[in-house]
Amino acid sequence: MKISKIMSVISVLSLSLALASCGADKAKDKEESKATTETSQEAKGDEKSETPKGDTVKITMVTDEGGVNDKSFNQSAFEGLSSYKEEGKINFDYIESHKDSDYQPNLESALDSEPNLILTVGYALYNQTSEAAEQNPDQKYAIIDNANIKEQKNLLGITFADHQNSFLVGYIAGMKTEANHVGFVGGQKSDVIDRFEYGFRAGVKEAAREKKTDIKVDVQYANSFSDQAAGKNIANQMYQSGADVVMHAAGGVGIGVIEAAKENNKWVIGVDRDQSNEAPDNMLVSTIKGVGDAVKLVADGLAKGEFEGGTTKQFTLADGKAVDIAYAPNDLVAKEVKDKVEELRKQIIDGKIQVPQNEKEFTSMGYDK
């Protein structure tokens, strides 16, 4: 009987110790769980406000209808991001659009890869980009060639002073033409292409004043950024009507313009990137829109946990590579003209020359006289 009572006491004590141990383990687990949850919540909170430092930035790019082989600004953005990917600085993928109706579904597809940033290339995507930013407030967006009009906190607008370098190449066209007759081929009428057109017109006018002669400027739009046949047809008509220099600001349409220059043995001016390889014997100069450099700067900022959402960043001639010109390596532009271009560049940067961005400014600044 005594042994039985002793065993009962031992059993009770063992059970009590087991329950106490279990309770302690549960309390410990609960405390650890609470700490983990708090850490997770803190990390989640940080993720909403900025990209975690030390992580590889993920960027998904959505092109406009020109695609990544437009030999223009889509390609510039693609090349800039691709080089950063090769250097291991970012993870990068892209989605090509081929028509306007692709923009919205492509932006929806871009969310699937859970990128830190969705980059849209071209002002034509603004409405869809703005709408996507509104519907996905925790997703960061950036758009090339359009301001952040609504100042949305998760959207960065990136624009370029295209009228400034267009003025410089317009001056070159005006000084180079032997027929005193030049042309401009635009993609689609817009505020962006207005900057190219009226900057170019103003530069031609500057040359005309210097030469003390009138220079005719033909202008026509292709209503497309991808129709190469339309570009070639328009440029052919300009060359055959007497123009000997044609500038294009038309994305992929410009490939057709360049082909027309070669076939007519006339001069052409490229856009957005150095296009001299497309026509080594016919290209005078190209305007440079450093889209690749711009998106690299955005990627660098994201890697540091920085994002200028809610703002618009504009690049100008004063920024150097982001807005510039590139002469073709063929000596078609005389040294004295190049020297004068540098003087004009400085005057623009210093504010001594005002360059129009549209027809209204072109008139108010006296370039129509």
Protein backbone atom coordinates (compact mmCIF):
# COMPACT_ATOMS: atom_id res chain seq x y z
CA MET A 1 0.00 0.00 0.00
CA LYS A 2 2.79 2.44 0.87
CA ILE A 3 4.54 1.76 -2.46
CA SER A 4 1.28 2.40 -4.31
CA LYS A 5 0.79 5.75 -2.55
CA ILE A 6 4.39 6.76 -3.32
CA MET A 7 3.93 5.90 -7.02
CA SER A 8 0.74 7.98 -7.15
CA VAL A 9 2.56 10.99 -5.73
CA ILE A 10 5.38 10.56 -8.23
CA SER A 11 2.87 10.38 -11.11
CA VAL A 12 1.15 13.58 -10.01
CA LEU A 13 4.49 15.37 -9.68
CA SER A 14 5.59 14.15 -13.15
CA LEU A 15 2.33 15.32 -14.72
CA SER A 16 2.65 18.73 -13.07
CA LEU A 17 6.21 19.14 -14.31
CA ALA A 18 5.19 18.11 -17.84
CA LEU A 19 2.32 20.60 -17.89
CA ALA A 20 4.59 23.36 -16.58
CA SER A 21 7.18 22.57 -19.26
CA CYS A 22 4.53 22.55 -21.96
CA GLY A 23 3.22 25.89 -20.75
CA ALA A 24 6.71 27.38 -20.79
CA ASP A 25 7.31 26.11 -24.34
CA LYS A 26 4.02 27.59 -25.50
CA ALA A 27 4.85 30.91 -23.85
CA LYS A 28 8.27 30.84 -25.52
CA ASP A 29 6.74 29.99 -28.92
CA LYS A 30 4.18 32.75 -28.47
CA GLU A 31 6.91 35.27 -27.67
CA GLU A 32 9.03 34.16 -30.63
CA SER A 33 5.99 34.28 -32.88
CA LYS A 34 5.19 37.80 -31.70
CA ALA A 35 8.78 38.93 -32.36
CA THR A 36 8.74 37.34 -35.83
CA THR A 37 5.41 38.98 -36.64
CA GLU A 38 6.66 42.38 -35.51
CA THR A 39 9.82 41.99 -37.60
CA SER A 40 7.74 40.91 -40.60
CA GLN A 41 5.39 43.86 -40.17
CA GLU A 42 8.33 46.25 -39.93
CA ALA A 43 9.84 44.79 -43.11
CA LYS A 44 6.49 45.00 -44.84
CA GLY A 45 6.13 48.61 -43.81
CA ASP A 46 9.59 49.39 -45.19
CA GLU A 47 8.78 47.61 -48.44
CA LYS A 48 5.82 49.89 -49.05
CA SER A 49 7.89 53.01 -48.69
CA GLU A 50 11.10 51.98 -50.38
CA THR A 51 12.99 49.13 -52.00
CA PRO A 52 14.96 47.19 -49.34
CA LYS A 53 18.62 48.09 -49.56
CA GLY A 54 20.93 45.32 -50.70
CA ASP A 55 18.27 43.51 -52.72
CA THR A 56 18.53 43.31 -56.51
CA VAL A 57 16.08 45.75 -58.05
CA LYS A 58 13.49 44.17 -60.34
CA ILE A 59 12.24 46.28 -63.26
CA THR A 60 9.64 45.38 -65.87
CA MET A 61 9.49 47.63 -68.93
CA VAL A 62 6.42 48.06 -71.14
CA THR A 63 7.14 49.58 -74.58
CA ASP A 64 4.91 51.66 -76.79
CA GLU A 65 4.00 50.38 -80.25
CA GLY A 66 7.57 50.89 -81.52
CA GLY A 67 8.94 47.89 -79.58
CA VAL A 68 12.50 47.36 -78.40
CA ASN A 69 13.96 47.37 -81.92
CA ASP A 70 12.65 50.79 -82.96
CA LYS A 71 16.25 52.09 -83.19
CA SER A 72 14.96 54.99 -81.10
CA PHE A 73 13.98 55.66 -77.48
CA ASN A 74 12.41 52.26 -76.71
CA GLN A 75 15.66 50.66 -77.82
CA SER A 76 17.67 53.17 -75.78
CA ALA A 77 15.73 52.24 -72.64
CA PHE A 78 16.10 48.53 -73.44
CA GLU A 79 19.85 48.82 -73.98
CA GLY A 80 20.36 50.80 -70.78
CA LEU A 81 18.48 48.29 -68.64
CA SER A 82 20.02 45.30 -70.43
CA SER A 83 23.53 46.55 -69.69
CA TYR A 84 22.65 46.95 -66.01
CA LYS A 85 21.25 43.42 -65.99
CA GLU A 86 24.50 42.09 -67.47
CA GLU A 87 26.41 43.89 -64.73
CA GLY A 88 24.23 42.18 -62.13
CA LYS A 89 22.77 45.46 -60.89
CA ILE A 90 19.14 44.69 -61.70
CA ASN A 91 16.75 41.96 -62.73
CA PHE A 92 15.00 43.10 -65.89
CA ASP A 93 12.31 41.89 -68.24
CA TYR A 94 10.11 43.61 -70.80
CA ILE A 95 6.77 43.41 -72.57
CA GLU A 96 6.38 44.77 -76.09
CA SER A 97 3.27 46.58 -77.24
CA HIS A 98 2.30 46.53 -80.91
CA LYS A 99 -0.86 48.64 -80.79
CA ASP A 100 -2.65 50.98 -78.39
CA SER A 101 -5.01 48.27 -77.17
CA ASP A 102 -2.00 46.31 -75.84
CA TYR A 103 -1.13 48.92 -73.21
CA GLN A 104 -3.66 48.07 -70.50
CA PRO A 105 -3.30 44.24 -70.64
CA ASN A 106 0.49 44.59 -70.80
CA LEU A 107 0.48 46.75 -67.67
CA GLU A 108 -1.64 44.11 -65.93
CA SER A 109 0.79 41.38 -67.03
CA ALA A 110 3.72 43.45 -65.74
CA LEU A 111 2.37 43.00 -62.19
CA ASP A 112 2.82 39.21 -62.42
CA SER A 113 6.59 39.39 -61.97
CA GLU A 114 6.16 41.50 -58.79
CA PRO A 115 8.76 44.10 -59.87
CA ASN A 116 9.99 46.96 -57.72
CA LEU A 117 9.30 49.26 -60.67
CA ILE A 118 7.15 49.13 -63.79
CA LEU A 119 8.63 51.42 -66.45
CA THR A 120 6.46 52.54 -69.37
CA VAL A 121 8.16 54.03 -72.41
CA GLY A 122 6.36 56.71 -74.36
CA TYR A 123 3.79 59.42 -73.67
CA ALA A 124 1.14 57.30 -75.43
CA LEU A 125 1.02 55.06 -72.33
CA TYR A 126 0.31 57.89 -69.90
CA ASN A 127 -3.43 57.36 -69.38
CA GLN A 128 -3.04 53.62 -68.82
CA THR A 129 0.02 54.12 -66.59
CA SER A 130 -1.76 56.72 -64.46
CA GLU A 131 -4.78 54.45 -64.11
CA ALA A 132 -2.61 51.47 -63.17
CA ALA A 133 -0.78 53.57 -60.56
CA GLU A 134 -4.12 54.59 -59.06
CA GLN A 135 -5.35 51.00 -58.90
CA ASN A 136 -2.09 49.66 -57.43
CA PRO A 137 -0.92 52.26 -54.87
CA ASP A 138 1.82 49.98 -53.46
CA GLN A 139 3.43 49.47 -56.89
CA LYS A 140 6.01 51.97 -58.15
CA TYR A 141 5.74 53.26 -61.73
CA ALA A 142 7.83 55.53 -63.96
CA ILE A 143 6.95 56.84 -67.42
CA ILE A 144 9.31 58.11 -70.10
CA ASP A 145 8.30 61.23 -72.04
CA ASN A 146 5.42 62.35 -69.87
CA ALA A 147 5.05 64.47 -66.76
CA ASN A 148 3.43 63.09 -63.61
CA ILE A 149 0.43 65.33 -64.27
CA LYS A 150 -1.62 64.27 -61.23
CA GLU A 151 1.47 64.15 -58.97
CA GLN A 152 0.66 60.55 -58.01
CA LYS A 153 2.91 59.44 -55.15
CA ASN A 154 3.81 56.07 -56.73
CA LEU A 155 4.57 57.51 -60.18
CA LEU A 156 7.69 59.28 -61.48
CA GLY A 157 7.48 61.31 -64.68
CA ILE A 158 10.63 61.57 -66.82
CA THR A 159 10.81 64.18 -69.57
CA PHE A 160 13.48 65.62 -71.86
CA ALA A 161 14.01 69.10 -73.31
CA ASP A 162 13.91 67.75 -76.87
CA HIS A 163 13.34 71.23 -78.27
CA GLN A 164 16.82 72.29 -77.16
CA ASN A 165 18.87 69.72 -79.07
CA SER A 166 16.38 69.88 -81.96
CA PHE A 167 17.27 73.57 -82.26
CA LEU A 168 20.94 72.62 -82.66
CA VAL A 169 20.30 70.04 -85.40
CA GLY A 170 17.86 72.44 -87.08
CA TYR A 171 20.67 74.97 -87.28
CA ILE A 172 22.93 72.28 -88.77
CA ALA A 173 20.25 71.39 -91.35
CA GLY A 174 19.82 75.05 -92.27
CA MET A 175 23.55 75.56 -92.71
CA LYS A 176 24.01 72.31 -94.64
CA THR A 177 21.15 72.58 -97.14
CA GLU A 178 22.21 73.60 -100.61
CA ALA A 179 18.64 73.84 -101.86
CA ASN A 180 17.48 75.99 -98.91
CA HIS A 181 14.75 73.40 -98.50
CA VAL A 182 14.52 70.92 -95.60
CA GLY A 183 11.91 68.59 -94.10
CA PHE A 184 10.60 67.22 -90.82
CA VAL A 185 8.75 63.92 -90.42
CA GLY A 186 6.82 63.43 -87.19
CA GLY A 187 5.24 60.31 -85.76
CA GLN A 188 2.00 61.40 -84.13
CA LYS A 189 1.04 64.97 -83.27
CA SER A 190 1.57 65.59 -79.54
CA ASP A 191 3.21 67.95 -77.07
CA VAL A 192 6.35 65.78 -77.18
CA ILE A 193 6.74 65.81 -80.97
CA ASP A 194 5.84 69.51 -81.00
CA ARG A 195 9.05 70.09 -79.05
CA PHE A 196 11.06 68.36 -81.78
CA GLU A 197 9.26 70.12 -84.63
CA TYR A 198 9.34 73.67 -83.31
CA GLY A 199 12.83 73.35 -81.87
CA PHE A 200 13.96 72.18 -85.32
CA ARG A 201 12.07 74.97 -87.09
CA ALA A 202 13.66 77.55 -84.77
CA GLY A 203 17.15 76.21 -85.44
CA VAL A 204 16.55 76.34 -89.19
CA LYS A 205 15.37 79.93 -88.78
CA GLU A 206 18.57 80.79 -86.90
CA ALA A 207 20.59 79.45 -89.85
CA ALA A 208 18.39 81.31 -92.34
CA ARG A 209 19.03 84.60 -90.53
CA GLU A 210 22.76 83.91 -90.57
CA LYS A 211 22.71 83.03 -94.28
CA LYS A 212 20.32 85.95 -94.95
CA THR A 213 18.02 83.80 -97.02
CA ASP A 214 14.70 82.02 -96.64
CA ILE A 215 14.75 78.26 -96.01
CA LYS A 216 11.61 76.27 -96.73
CA VAL A 217 10.57 73.67 -94.12
CA ASP A 218 8.22 70.84 -95.16
CA VAL A 219 6.42 69.10 -92.28
CA GLN A 220 4.32 65.95 -92.40
CA TYR A 221 3.17 63.41 -89.80
CA ALA A 222 2.88 59.64 -90.33
CA ASN A 223 0.22 59.17 -87.61
CA SER A 224 2.27 56.21 -86.42
CA PHE A 225 5.49 55.37 -84.62
CA SER A 226 5.94 52.00 -86.32
CA ASP A 227 4.90 52.31 -89.99
CA GLN A 228 8.26 52.29 -91.78
CA ALA A 229 6.62 52.30 -95.23
CA ALA A 230 4.80 55.53 -94.39
CA GLY A 231 8.06 57.13 -93.26
CA LYS A 232 9.80 56.13 -96.45
CA ASN A 233 6.95 57.38 -98.62
CA ILE A 234 6.77 60.77 -96.88
CA ALA A 235 10.55 61.29 -97.03
CA ASN A 236 10.67 60.24 -100.70
CA GLN A 237 8.11 62.92 -101.52
CA MET A 238 10.08 65.54 -99.60
CA TYR A 239 13.37 64.67 -101.29
CA GLN A 240 11.77 64.52 -104.72
CA SER A 241 10.12 67.93 -104.17
CA GLY A 242 13.52 69.52 -103.55
CA ALA A 243 14.43 69.03 -99.87
CA ASP A 244 17.97 67.83 -99.35
CA VAL A 245 17.92 67.40 -95.52
CA VAL A 246 15.13 65.66 -93.58
CA MET A 247 14.88 65.18 -89.83
CA HIS A 248 12.56 62.58 -88.31
CA ALA A 249 11.06 62.30 -84.84
CA ALA A 250 8.94 59.26 -85.41
CA GLY A 251 10.33 56.17 -83.68
CA GLY A 252 10.28 53.15 -86.00
CA VAL A 253 8.78 55.26 -88.81
CA GLY A 254 12.19 56.92 -88.98
CA ILE A 255 13.76 53.72 -90.28
CA GLY A 256 11.83 54.32 -93.49
CA VAL A 257 12.95 57.96 -93.59
CA ILE A 258 16.58 56.87 -93.34
CA GLU A 259 16.09 54.34 -96.17
CA ALA A 260 14.66 57.10 -98.36
CA ALA A 261 17.70 59.27 -97.68
CA LYS A 262 20.04 56.52 -98.81
CA GLU A 263 18.02 55.74 -101.94
CA ASN A 264 17.80 59.42 -102.92
CA ASN A 265 21.42 60.11 -101.88
CA LYS A 266 20.29 62.97 -99.64
CA TRP A 267 21.02 63.92 -96.03
CA VAL A 268 19.10 62.84 -92.96
CA ILE A 269 19.07 63.66 -89.24
CA GLY A 270 18.50 60.90 -86.69
CA VAL A 271 16.69 61.01 -83.39
CA ASP A 272 16.90 59.80 -79.78
CA ARG A 273 20.11 57.77 -80.22
CA ASP A 274 23.15 57.88 -82.52
CA GLN A 275 21.73 56.50 -85.77
CA SER A 276 24.82 57.06 -87.92
CA ASN A 277 25.31 53.31 -88.43
CA GLU A 278 21.99 53.20 -90.24
CA ALA A 279 23.26 55.53 -92.97
CA PRO A 280 27.02 56.17 -92.67
CA ASP A 281 27.18 58.27 -95.86
CA ASN A 282 23.95 60.22 -95.38
CA MET A 283 23.54 60.89 -91.66
CA LEU A 284 24.60 64.36 -90.55
CA VAL A 285 23.84 64.23 -86.84
CA SER A 286 21.37 62.71 -84.39
CA THR A 287 19.58 64.20 -81.43
CA ILE A 288 20.29 62.18 -78.30
CA LYS A 289 17.65 61.37 -75.74
CA GLY A 290 19.52 59.55 -72.99
CA VAL A 291 16.64 57.29 -71.99
CA GLY A 292 19.09 54.54 -71.11
CA ASP A 293 21.02 56.89 -68.82
CA ALA A 294 17.81 58.16 -67.25
CA VAL A 295 16.48 54.71 -66.39
CA LYS A 296 19.87 53.75 -64.97
CA LEU A 297 19.65 56.71 -62.60
CA VAL A 298 16.19 55.56 -61.50
CA ALA A 299 17.52 52.03 -60.93
CA ASP A 300 20.44 53.40 -58.90
CA GLY A 301 18.02 55.32 -56.72
CA LEU A 302 15.83 52.26 -56.13
CA ALA A 303 18.88 50.25 -55.09
CA LYS A 304 19.54 52.88 -52.41
CA GLY A 305 15.91 52.82 -51.28
CA GLU A 306 15.15 56.10 -53.04
CA PHE A 307 12.25 56.85 -55.38
CA GLU A 308 11.10 60.32 -56.42
CA GLY A 309 7.43 59.43 -56.73
CA GLY A 310 5.00 62.31 -57.01
CA THR A 311 7.42 64.35 -59.14
CA THR A 312 8.61 64.88 -62.70
CA LYS A 313 12.31 64.86 -63.57
CA GLN A 314 13.23 66.85 -66.69
CA PHE A 315 16.61 66.46 -68.38
CA THR A 316 18.02 69.39 -70.40
CA LEU A 317 21.10 70.31 -72.44
CA ALA A 318 22.73 71.34 -69.17
CA ASP A 319 22.62 67.70 -68.02
CA GLY A 320 24.95 66.58 -70.79
CA LYS A 321 24.40 63.03 -72.07
CA ALA A 322 20.68 62.89 -71.31
CA VAL A 323 19.94 65.64 -73.89
CA ASP A 324 22.65 66.05 -76.52
CA ILE A 325 23.60 65.57 -80.17
CA ALA A 326 25.93 63.06 -81.85
CA TYR A 327 27.68 63.84 -85.11
CA ALA A 328 28.06 61.03 -87.63
CA PRO A 329 31.76 60.14 -88.13
CA ASN A 330 31.84 61.28 -91.76
CA ASP A 331 32.85 64.96 -91.67
CA LEU A 332 29.68 66.05 -93.48
CA VAL A 333 29.23 68.87 -90.99
CA ALA A 334 31.90 71.57 -91.35
CA LYS A 335 34.09 72.45 -88.37
CA GLU A 336 32.96 76.08 -88.37
CA VAL A 337 29.34 74.93 -88.10
CA LYS A 338 30.23 72.62 -85.22
CA ASP A 339 32.00 75.49 -83.47
CA LYS A 340 28.93 77.71 -83.86
CA VAL A 341 26.73 74.90 -82.52
CA GLU A 342 28.77 74.90 -79.32
CA GLU A 343 28.22 78.65 -78.99
CA LEU A 344 24.48 78.16 -79.48
CA ARG A 345 24.47 75.34 -76.93
CA LYS A 346 26.03 77.60 -74.31
CA GLN A 347 23.58 80.40 -75.08
CA ILE A 348 20.64 78.02 -74.65
CA ILE A 349 21.99 76.70 -71.34
CA ASP A 350 22.63 80.26 -70.15
CA GLY A 351 19.11 81.31 -71.12
CA LYS A 352 20.26 83.79 -73.74
CA ILE A 353 18.42 81.85 -76.46
CA GLN A 354 14.84 80.83 -75.77
CA VAL A 355 13.77 77.76 -77.72
CA PRO A 356 10.08 77.24 -78.52
CA GLN A 357 8.27 74.06 -77.54
CA ASN A 358 5.16 74.59 -79.66
CA GLU A 359 3.60 76.77 -82.33
CA LYS A 360 2.38 79.40 -79.86
CA GLU A 361 5.90 79.92 -78.44
CA PHE A 362 7.40 79.82 -81.95
CA THR A 363 5.23 82.80 -82.85
CA SER A 364 5.54 84.69 -79.58
CA MET A 365 9.34 84.39 -79.66
CA GLY A 366 9.43 85.89 -83.16
CA TYR A 367 10.67 82.86 -85.07
CA ASP A 368 7.83 83.20 -87.61
CA LYS A 369 9.27 86.49 -88.91
